């Protein structure tokens, strides 16, 4: 097709076998988009295209990636907010007819559906790094390193010492958005005999996020890069866990910890009520 459709924060260039998405740079552009820069999405990675009404006089064109085709979306596991969805193109409502034309053209070229057997969209490249609440995480393409912070790491992590995890010993990642209470990045061991503590702050294979730590635009591309490296090693990798229902005992422990922060004055009344409600909603 070769045409370009520009919207808010991004522009899509339609090619014969792919869609090249270029994200704008600017203070109003979601930070995740700025971090991604641009992405080439093969048509084989898409299963459909939708066009719907957006907010405040806009329409939204969205490409639907196949499950397992994109390491970024696989790592996100449905936790991205709508405004940070890299497959959405928001346009002024007066361009609806044009958007509908491109949606029809794109649909006509899609021939694949169902889960993909491998990643078809490139992951963010290594090296990657970010600062978590309890340490610093880095990935050089072959191994992940966690270096603990003396101000945030638990005694269990300090006792375990700084960690290094070769990709060959991992089966996947579990990314829990920093935009919810106690978000984290957990590395999943390939050896199922290795038991990992349920609590993220007690697991040396996990870094914990927090206010200002492990933001989406840093920690999610990191998780996607690690996941892609794990998948590239072949079968036997685990699918990242989604943010589903949790063990009631785990929720109770989290609420107890939240209460301690509240009593210590580290969490406001409003924050306490909001986070407690979020935790209870996971039961």
Foldseek 3Di string as FASTA:
>chain_A
DQDWDAAPQWIWGDDPFWIKIAGDDDPPHPLLNVLVGIWIGGLQQFDAWDWADDPDQKIKIFTHGAAQQALLCLQCQPVDDPSNPSRIGIHGNVCRVVSVVVRVVSRVNHDHHHHDPHHNIDAPDDFAWFFAQFFIWTDHLFKIKTAGDPVGADVLLVVVGIDIGGLVQFQAWAFAAQVAPWTKIATHGLPPVDDADPDQSNGNRMGTHYVVGCHCSRNSSVRSSSRNSNVVVDDSHDRHDHLAADDPVVLVVSLVVLVVCVVVVNADPVRNVVNNVVSVVSD
